[in-house]
Amino acid sequence: QVQLVESGGGSVQSGGSLTLSCAVSGYTYSRTCMGWFRQAPGKEREGVAIIHNDGWTSYADSVKGRFTISQDNAKNTLYLQMNSLKPEDTAMYYCAQSSLLCGLEWTFFNYWGQGTQVTVSS
């Protein structure tokens, strides 16, 4: 089965930068979309950024202009470059894969990583 393993989380000051990585292994017949989601304690899981296999991307309004999603197919790795971090970006970040649908809706995704914590202090 498909396995997703996130890394790169940590603690940074407001205005700082951080890059998250997601190593993808295993096999699936269909890989439509990869995405990053986040969830803070007591809050709903929200879509941060997604990238379709065809290359198009979509971002949550709250991170547009600050975050960039990309993937290196040769390395089977998904990335999320986060700049100008704010305290409200503090959350557990998950990478995920969808076999069919692509969008910022978490219910579209059927494979998930274990998450990596991002904490932004003011």
C-alpha atoms as a PDB file:
ATOM      1  CA  GLN A   1       0.000   0.000   0.000  1.00  0.00           C
ATOM      2  CA  VAL A   2       0.929   3.646  -0.276  1.00  0.00           C
ATOM      3  CA  GLN A   3       2.887   5.046   2.638  1.00  0.00           C
ATOM      4  CA  LEU A   4       3.381   8.734   3.369  1.00  0.00           C
ATOM      5  CA  VAL A   5       5.930   9.984   5.889  1.00  0.00           C
ATOM      6  CA  GLU A   6       6.173  13.671   6.774  1.00  0.00           C
ATOM      7  CA  SER A   7       9.242  15.410   8.126  1.00  0.00           C
ATOM      8  CA  GLY A   8      10.615  18.905   8.590  1.00  0.00           C
ATOM      9  CA  GLY A   9       8.303  20.233  11.258  1.00  0.00           C
ATOM     10  CA  GLY A  10       9.558  22.197  14.210  1.00  0.00           C
ATOM     11  CA  SER A  11       9.350  25.454  16.114  1.00  0.00           C
ATOM     12  CA  VAL A  12      10.054  28.802  14.485  1.00  0.00           C
ATOM     13  CA  GLN A  13       9.480  32.448  15.270  1.00  0.00           C
ATOM     14  CA  SER A  14       6.826  34.511  13.560  1.00  0.00           C
ATOM     15  CA  GLY A  15       8.064  35.594  10.150  1.00  0.00           C
ATOM     16  CA  GLY A  16      10.350  32.611   9.810  1.00  0.00           C
ATOM     17  CA  SER A  17      10.400  29.862   7.212  1.00  0.00           C
ATOM     18  CA  LEU A  18      10.115  26.113   7.245  1.00  0.00           C
ATOM     19  CA  THR A  19      10.032  23.397   4.600  1.00  0.00           C
ATOM     20  CA  LEU A  20       8.030  20.225   5.077  1.00  0.00           C
ATOM     21  CA  SER A  21       8.739  17.033   3.173  1.00  0.00           C
ATOM     22  CA  CYS A  22       6.597  13.985   2.507  1.00  0.00           C
ATOM     23  CA  ALA A  23       8.242  10.790   1.332  1.00  0.00           C
ATOM     24  CA  VAL A  24       5.939   8.627  -0.752  1.00  0.00           C
ATOM     25  CA  SER A  25       6.420   4.889  -1.120  1.00  0.00           C
ATOM     26  CA  GLY A  26       4.374   1.911  -2.203  1.00  0.00           C
ATOM     27  CA  TYR A  27       2.098   1.633  -5.188  1.00  0.00           C
ATOM     28  CA  THR A  28      -1.386   2.554  -6.271  1.00  0.00           C
ATOM     29  CA  TYR A  29      -3.009   2.278  -9.652  1.00  0.00           C
ATOM     30  CA  SER A  30      -4.305   5.814  -9.453  1.00  0.00           C
ATOM     31  CA  ARG A  31      -2.601   8.905  -8.047  1.00  0.00           C
ATOM     32  CA  THR A  32      -4.622  11.954  -8.946  1.00  0.00           C
ATOM     33  CA  CYS A  33      -3.549  14.471  -6.363  1.00  0.00           C
ATOM     34  CA  MET A  34      -1.216  15.161  -3.450  1.00  0.00           C
ATOM     35  CA  GLY A  35      -1.980  17.627  -0.727  1.00  0.00           C
ATOM     36  CA  TRP A  36      -1.071  19.196   2.568  1.00  0.00           C
ATOM     37  CA  PHE A  37      -3.618  19.577   5.344  1.00  0.00           C
ATOM     38  CA  ARG A  38      -3.378  20.917   8.852  1.00  0.00           C
ATOM     39  CA  GLN A  39      -5.295  20.647  12.074  1.00  0.00           C
ATOM     40  CA  ALA A  40      -4.932  22.621  15.266  1.00  0.00           C
ATOM     41  CA  PRO A  41      -6.351  21.340  18.578  1.00  0.00           C
ATOM     42  CA  GLY A  42     -10.098  21.878  18.734  1.00  0.00           C
ATOM     43  CA  LYS A  43     -10.319  23.000  15.120  1.00  0.00           C
ATOM     44  CA  GLU A  44     -11.438  21.379  11.890  1.00  0.00           C
ATOM     45  CA  ARG A  45      -8.918  19.860   9.535  1.00  0.00           C
ATOM     46  CA  GLU A  46      -8.344  22.247   6.664  1.00  0.00           C
ATOM     47  CA  GLY A  47      -6.774  21.995   3.262  1.00  0.00           C
ATOM     48  CA  VAL A  48      -3.586  24.013   2.900  1.00  0.00           C
ATOM     49  CA  ALA A  49      -2.384  23.243  -0.605  1.00  0.00           C
ATOM     50  CA  ILE A  50      -2.845  20.596  -3.260  1.00  0.00           C
ATOM     51  CA  ILE A  51      -1.044  19.675  -6.453  1.00  0.00           C
ATOM     52  CA  HIS A  52      -2.583  17.640  -9.247  1.00  0.00           C
ATOM     53  CA  ASN A  53      -0.585  15.117 -11.244  1.00  0.00           C
ATOM     54  CA  ASP A  54      -1.021  17.416 -14.234  1.00  0.00           C
ATOM     55  CA  GLY A  55       0.777  20.143 -12.299  1.00  0.00           C
ATOM     56  CA  TRP A  56      -1.952  22.586 -11.338  1.00  0.00           C
ATOM     57  CA  THR A  57      -2.100  23.736  -7.729  1.00  0.00           C
ATOM     58  CA  SER A  58      -4.548  25.292  -5.339  1.00  0.00           C
ATOM     59  CA  TYR A  59      -4.029  27.028  -2.008  1.00  0.00           C
ATOM     60  CA  ALA A  60      -6.104  28.057   0.946  1.00  0.00           C
ATOM     61  CA  ASP A  61      -6.670  31.807   0.973  1.00  0.00           C
ATOM     62  CA  SER A  62      -4.914  32.056   4.321  1.00  0.00           C
ATOM     63  CA  VAL A  63      -1.599  30.816   2.898  1.00  0.00           C
ATOM     64  CA  LYS A  64      -1.592  32.230  -0.634  1.00  0.00           C
ATOM     65  CA  GLY A  65       1.588  34.121  -1.325  1.00  0.00           C
ATOM     66  CA  ARG A  66       3.342  32.526   1.632  1.00  0.00           C
ATOM     67  CA  PHE A  67       3.288  28.768   0.999  1.00  0.00           C
ATOM     68  CA  THR A  68       4.386  26.832  -2.072  1.00  0.00           C
ATOM     69  CA  ILE A  69       3.602  23.195  -2.795  1.00  0.00           C
ATOM     70  CA  SER A  70       5.854  21.200  -5.098  1.00  0.00           C
ATOM     71  CA  GLN A  71       6.858  17.644  -5.830  1.00  0.00           C
ATOM     72  CA  ASP A  72       9.971  15.879  -7.006  1.00  0.00           C
ATOM     73  CA  ASN A  73       8.779  12.804  -8.846  1.00  0.00           C
ATOM     74  CA  ALA A  74      12.301  11.400  -9.196  1.00  0.00           C
ATOM     75  CA  LYS A  75      12.615  11.388  -5.413  1.00  0.00           C
ATOM     76  CA  ASN A  76       8.970  10.506  -4.768  1.00  0.00           C
ATOM     77  CA  THR A  77       8.789  13.457  -2.417  1.00  0.00           C
ATOM     78  CA  LEU A  78       6.214  16.169  -1.823  1.00  0.00           C
ATOM     79  CA  TYR A  79       7.231  19.526  -0.350  1.00  0.00           C
ATOM     80  CA  LEU A  80       5.602  22.475   1.320  1.00  0.00           C
ATOM     81  CA  GLN A  81       7.723  25.614   1.505  1.00  0.00           C
ATOM     82  CA  MET A  82       6.322  27.887   4.191  1.00  0.00           C
ATOM     83  CA  ASN A  83       7.451  31.501   4.421  1.00  0.00           C
ATOM     84  CA  SER A  84       6.357  34.442   6.564  1.00  0.00           C
ATOM     85  CA  LEU A  85       4.959  32.068   9.137  1.00  0.00           C
ATOM     86  CA  LYS A  86       2.353  33.328  11.579  1.00  0.00           C
ATOM     87  CA  PRO A  87       1.248  31.981  14.963  1.00  0.00           C
ATOM     88  CA  GLU A  88      -2.065  30.968  13.386  1.00  0.00           C
ATOM     89  CA  ASP A  89      -0.122  28.547  11.166  1.00  0.00           C
ATOM     90  CA  THR A  90       0.590  26.451  14.249  1.00  0.00           C
ATOM     91  CA  ALA A  91      -0.887  22.997  13.675  1.00  0.00           C
ATOM     92  CA  MET A  92      -0.179  19.388  12.905  1.00  0.00           C
ATOM     93  CA  TYR A  93       0.527  19.158   9.194  1.00  0.00           C
ATOM     94  CA  TYR A  94      -0.382  16.077   7.186  1.00  0.00           C
ATOM     95  CA  CYS A  95       0.393  15.056   3.649  1.00  0.00           C
ATOM     96  CA  ALA A  96      -2.180  13.027   1.798  1.00  0.00           C
ATOM     97  CA  GLN A  97      -2.890  11.360  -1.531  1.00  0.00           C
ATOM     98  CA  SER A  98      -6.105  11.141  -3.490  1.00  0.00           C
ATOM     99  CA  SER A  99      -6.758   8.402  -6.013  1.00  0.00           C
ATOM    100  CA  LEU A 100      -9.601  10.155  -7.780  1.00  0.00           C
ATOM    101  CA  LEU A 101     -10.640  13.662  -6.768  1.00  0.00           C
ATOM    102  CA  CYS A 102      -8.413  16.675  -6.262  1.00  0.00           C
ATOM    103  CA  GLY A 103      -9.153  19.692  -4.124  1.00  0.00           C
ATOM    104  CA  LEU A 104      -8.755  21.215  -0.685  1.00  0.00           C
ATOM    105  CA  GLU A 105     -11.487  18.997   0.759  1.00  0.00           C
ATOM    106  CA  TRP A 106      -9.950  16.405   3.053  1.00  0.00           C
ATOM    107  CA  THR A 107     -12.631  13.823   2.277  1.00  0.00           C
ATOM    108  CA  PHE A 108     -11.195  13.516  -1.236  1.00  0.00           C
ATOM    109  CA  PHE A 109      -8.048  11.898   0.149  1.00  0.00           C
ATOM    110  CA  ASN A 110      -7.682   8.246   1.049  1.00  0.00           C
ATOM    111  CA  TYR A 111      -4.019   7.939   2.096  1.00  0.00           C
ATOM    112  CA  TRP A 112      -2.515   9.915   4.960  1.00  0.00           C
ATOM    113  CA  GLY A 113       0.790  10.398   6.690  1.00  0.00           C
ATOM    114  CA  GLN A 114       1.268  10.486  10.447  1.00  0.00           C
ATOM    115  CA  GLY A 115       1.723  14.237  10.600  1.00  0.00           C
ATOM    116  CA  THR A 116       4.481  16.626  11.617  1.00  0.00           C
ATOM    117  CA  GLN A 117       4.065  19.417  14.134  1.00  0.00           C
ATOM    118  CA  VAL A 118       4.644  23.048  13.203  1.00  0.00           C
ATOM    119  CA  THR A 119       4.724  25.616  15.982  1.00  0.00           C
ATOM    120  CA  VAL A 120       5.098  29.336  15.299  1.00  0.00           C
ATOM    121  CA  SER A 121       5.777  31.620  18.234  1.00  0.00           C
ATOM    122  CA  SER A 122       5.186  35.360  18.336  1.00  0.00           C
END
